[in-house]
Amino acid sequence: MIDARRFAPATLRNRDPIGAVLADELPEQGTLLEVAAGTGEHAAYLAPRFPGLAWQPTDPDEDALASIAAWRDATAASRLLAPLKLDAASADWPFTSADAMLCVNMIHISPPGATVGLMAGAGRLLPVGGPLIVYGPFLEPEVVTAPSNLEFDASLKARNPEWGLRNMDWVDALAAANGLQRTRRVQMPANNLTLVYRKL
């Protein structure tokens, strides 16, 4: 049998720092919706740390969904749910509610519409006080961007002109337009950030 699991090297570096933020921010019970779960490694590693949460991974890519399913089969996390197809940019999400949302490394490797859809989805699905937690590299108006991030931004735009590091002010404004407010900024490995938004 072919093992459909994919591997992202950065996961080993960032999964514990992400988990530490989640431990501070997630509710004890409910459903966590992971948008753009990618390889599924974060879901497989982190879901067992939060046994009170049903962890729902999603992704728009069929190969990613196969990888997530394979990681789910390889883990003992009883509340890690089967992955579902979701394009964040779509206005039609197959969910009516979520107690928390997580999105790792999507915002810079997707068209702007995916971030617009992510914030709109969080505004629709989350309860008052519910967190949307996003991870990745960002541009900050008052912070000097690391040269490695500038190079990464250029390489992303060379691959796809719609990709690239997003300005945090733009992300914050999208959040505000959907009834969310940033409550935390956490410095992470390799010049990445975790941003926490909560539904007002």
Protein backbone atom coordinates (compact mmCIF):
# COMPACT_ATOMS: atom_id res chain seq x y z
CA MET A 1 0.00 0.00 0.00
CA ILE A 2 1.34 3.44 -0.94
CA ASP A 3 1.75 5.78 2.02
CA ALA A 4 0.01 9.01 1.04
CA ARG A 5 1.50 11.00 3.91
CA ARG A 6 3.34 14.18 2.93
CA PHE A 7 6.08 15.78 4.99
CA ALA A 8 6.81 19.49 5.46
CA PRO A 9 10.25 19.99 7.08
CA ALA A 10 9.18 23.22 8.80
CA THR A 11 6.57 21.33 10.82
CA LEU A 12 9.20 19.85 13.13
CA ARG A 13 10.46 23.35 13.87
CA ASN A 14 7.14 25.09 14.47
CA ARG A 15 4.71 22.50 15.84
CA ASP A 16 5.73 22.84 19.49
CA PRO A 17 5.77 26.67 19.49
CA ILE A 18 2.36 26.65 17.79
CA GLY A 19 1.13 24.12 20.32
CA ALA A 20 2.26 26.34 23.19
CA VAL A 21 0.16 29.24 21.86
CA LEU A 22 -2.82 26.96 21.30
CA ALA A 23 -2.59 25.74 24.89
CA ASP A 24 -3.08 29.34 26.03
CA GLU A 25 -5.80 30.27 23.57
CA LEU A 26 -8.04 27.29 22.75
CA PRO A 27 -11.23 26.42 24.62
CA GLU A 28 -11.19 23.17 26.58
CA GLN A 29 -14.08 21.71 24.62
CA GLY A 30 -15.81 22.10 21.29
CA THR A 31 -14.78 21.91 17.64
CA LEU A 32 -11.61 23.32 16.14
CA LEU A 33 -11.72 23.99 12.41
CA GLU A 34 -8.29 23.88 10.77
CA VAL A 35 -8.31 25.73 7.45
CA ALA A 36 -5.68 24.73 4.86
CA ALA A 37 -4.34 21.82 6.92
CA GLY A 38 -1.80 20.98 4.22
CA THR A 39 0.11 17.78 4.90
CA GLY A 40 -1.94 17.03 8.02
CA GLU A 41 1.14 16.82 10.24
CA HIS A 42 0.03 19.61 12.55
CA ALA A 43 -3.39 18.01 13.02
CA ALA A 44 -1.87 14.60 13.76
CA TYR A 45 0.65 16.01 16.22
CA LEU A 46 -1.47 18.64 17.97
CA ALA A 47 -4.93 17.03 18.13
CA PRO A 48 -3.89 14.51 20.84
CA ARG A 49 -2.79 17.44 23.05
CA PHE A 50 -6.35 18.77 23.12
CA PRO A 51 -8.58 15.75 23.81
CA GLY A 52 -11.60 17.92 24.61
CA LEU A 53 -11.67 19.29 21.06
CA ALA A 54 -12.98 17.65 17.93
CA TRP A 55 -10.31 18.62 15.38
CA GLN A 56 -11.69 19.14 11.87
CA PRO A 57 -8.96 19.48 9.21
CA THR A 58 -9.77 20.90 5.77
CA ASP A 59 -7.94 21.69 2.55
CA PRO A 60 -8.88 22.49 -1.07
CA ASP A 61 -6.26 20.15 -2.58
CA GLU A 62 -7.05 16.47 -3.20
CA ASP A 63 -3.47 15.29 -2.59
CA ALA A 64 -3.40 17.24 0.67
CA LEU A 65 -6.68 15.65 1.73
CA ALA A 66 -5.18 12.22 1.04
CA SER A 67 -2.12 13.10 3.13
CA ILE A 68 -4.28 14.38 5.99
CA ALA A 69 -6.33 11.18 5.91
CA ALA A 70 -3.15 9.07 5.96
CA TRP A 71 -1.77 11.00 8.94
CA ARG A 72 -5.11 10.56 10.68
CA ASP A 73 -4.90 6.80 10.14
CA ALA A 74 -1.38 6.80 11.59
CA THR A 75 -2.28 8.67 14.78
CA ALA A 76 -4.18 7.58 17.85
CA ALA A 77 -6.08 10.87 18.17
CA SER A 78 -9.64 9.66 18.60
CA ARG A 79 -11.15 13.11 18.01
CA LEU A 80 -9.19 13.93 14.84
CA LEU A 81 -11.95 13.93 12.24
CA ALA A 82 -11.78 12.87 8.60
CA PRO A 83 -10.62 15.77 6.40
CA LEU A 84 -13.13 17.76 4.37
CA LYS A 85 -12.60 19.77 1.20
CA LEU A 86 -12.75 23.52 1.76
CA ASP A 87 -11.59 26.43 -0.38
CA ALA A 88 -11.21 29.32 2.06
CA ALA A 89 -11.94 31.80 -0.72
CA SER A 90 -15.38 30.31 -1.28
CA ALA A 91 -18.43 31.93 0.27
CA ASP A 92 -20.00 28.49 0.66
CA TRP A 93 -18.43 26.66 3.60
CA PRO A 94 -19.83 23.26 4.68
CA PHE A 95 -19.96 24.38 8.31
CA THR A 96 -22.35 26.45 10.38
CA SER A 97 -20.23 26.93 13.49
CA ALA A 98 -16.82 26.33 15.10
CA ASP A 99 -15.55 27.04 18.60
CA ALA A 100 -12.04 27.86 17.37
CA MET A 101 -10.18 28.12 14.07
CA LEU A 102 -6.55 27.54 13.10
CA CYS A 103 -4.77 28.43 9.86
CA VAL A 104 -1.06 27.67 9.44
CA ASN A 105 1.00 28.89 6.48
CA MET A 106 -1.86 29.68 4.13
CA ILE A 107 -2.08 33.46 3.99
CA HIS A 108 1.19 34.01 2.10
CA ILE A 109 0.82 30.97 -0.20
CA SER A 110 -2.63 31.76 -1.59
CA PRO A 111 -4.40 34.57 -3.43
CA PRO A 112 -5.68 37.47 -1.31
CA GLY A 113 -9.20 36.10 -1.71
CA ALA A 114 -8.32 33.16 0.53
CA THR A 115 -7.53 35.51 3.42
CA VAL A 116 -10.67 37.53 2.70
CA GLY A 117 -12.66 34.29 2.85
CA LEU A 118 -10.87 33.12 6.00
CA MET A 119 -11.82 36.24 7.90
CA ALA A 120 -15.37 36.17 6.58
CA GLY A 121 -15.68 32.53 7.61
CA ALA A 122 -14.36 33.26 11.08
CA GLY A 123 -16.84 36.10 11.41
CA ARG A 124 -19.71 33.77 10.50
CA LEU A 125 -18.72 30.65 12.41
CA LEU A 126 -17.05 31.69 15.64
CA PRO A 127 -18.96 32.49 18.83
CA VAL A 128 -18.28 35.70 20.74
CA GLY A 129 -14.79 35.34 22.19
CA GLY A 130 -13.90 32.45 19.89
CA PRO A 131 -10.31 32.52 18.56
CA LEU A 132 -8.96 32.49 15.04
CA ILE A 133 -5.25 31.65 15.25
CA VAL A 134 -3.04 32.18 12.20
CA TYR A 135 0.65 31.41 11.70
CA GLY A 136 3.12 32.53 9.07
CA PRO A 137 5.37 35.40 7.93
CA PHE A 138 3.92 38.90 7.73
CA LEU A 139 5.01 42.42 6.84
CA GLU A 140 4.69 44.88 9.74
CA PRO A 141 4.73 48.64 9.07
CA GLU A 142 6.76 49.49 12.17
CA VAL A 143 9.09 46.45 12.11
CA VAL A 144 12.08 45.97 9.81
CA THR A 145 11.46 42.89 7.66
CA ALA A 146 14.17 40.25 7.90
CA PRO A 147 16.18 39.88 4.67
CA SER A 148 15.25 36.19 4.53
CA ASN A 149 11.56 37.13 4.54
CA LEU A 150 12.08 39.69 1.77
CA GLU A 151 13.78 37.00 -0.30
CA PHE A 152 10.98 34.57 0.49
CA ASP A 153 8.40 37.15 -0.56
CA ALA A 154 10.16 37.69 -3.88
CA SER A 155 10.38 33.96 -4.53
CA LEU A 156 6.67 33.49 -3.78
CA LYS A 157 5.69 36.29 -6.18
CA ALA A 158 7.94 34.79 -8.85
CA ARG A 159 6.04 31.52 -8.52
CA ASN A 160 2.62 33.17 -8.46
CA PRO A 161 2.00 36.94 -8.62
CA GLU A 162 -1.01 36.52 -6.30
CA TRP A 163 1.15 35.03 -3.53
CA GLY A 164 3.37 36.90 -1.09
CA LEU A 165 3.73 38.12 2.47
CA ARG A 166 0.73 40.19 3.56
CA ASN A 167 0.80 43.45 5.44
CA MET A 168 -0.47 42.93 8.97
CA ASP A 169 -2.49 46.15 8.80
CA TRP A 170 -4.42 44.69 5.86
CA VAL A 171 -5.07 41.44 7.74
CA ASP A 172 -6.16 43.34 10.85
CA ALA A 173 -8.53 45.47 8.75
CA LEU A 174 -10.11 42.38 7.19
CA ALA A 175 -10.55 40.93 10.64
CA ALA A 176 -12.18 44.11 11.94
CA ALA A 177 -14.57 44.19 8.99
CA ASN A 178 -15.79 40.76 10.07
CA GLY A 179 -16.16 41.47 13.76
CA LEU A 180 -12.76 40.20 14.91
CA GLN A 181 -9.98 41.91 16.83
CA ARG A 182 -6.34 40.92 17.14
CA THR A 183 -5.57 40.20 20.78
CA ARG A 184 -2.07 38.72 20.59
CA ARG A 185 1.10 38.69 18.49
CA VAL A 186 3.70 36.01 19.23
CA GLN A 187 7.18 35.86 17.71
CA MET A 188 7.87 32.38 16.33
CA PRO A 189 10.82 30.50 14.82
CA ALA A 190 12.37 31.59 11.51
CA ASN A 191 10.87 35.10 11.53
CA ASN A 192 7.28 33.87 11.60
CA LEU A 193 4.42 35.11 13.79
CA THR A 194 1.34 33.68 15.39
CA LEU A 195 -1.56 36.13 15.46
CA VAL A 196 -4.64 35.57 17.60
CA TYR A 197 -7.94 37.18 16.65
CA ARG A 198 -11.12 36.93 18.70
CA LYS A 199 -14.74 37.43 17.73
CA LEU A 200 -16.22 40.51 19.31
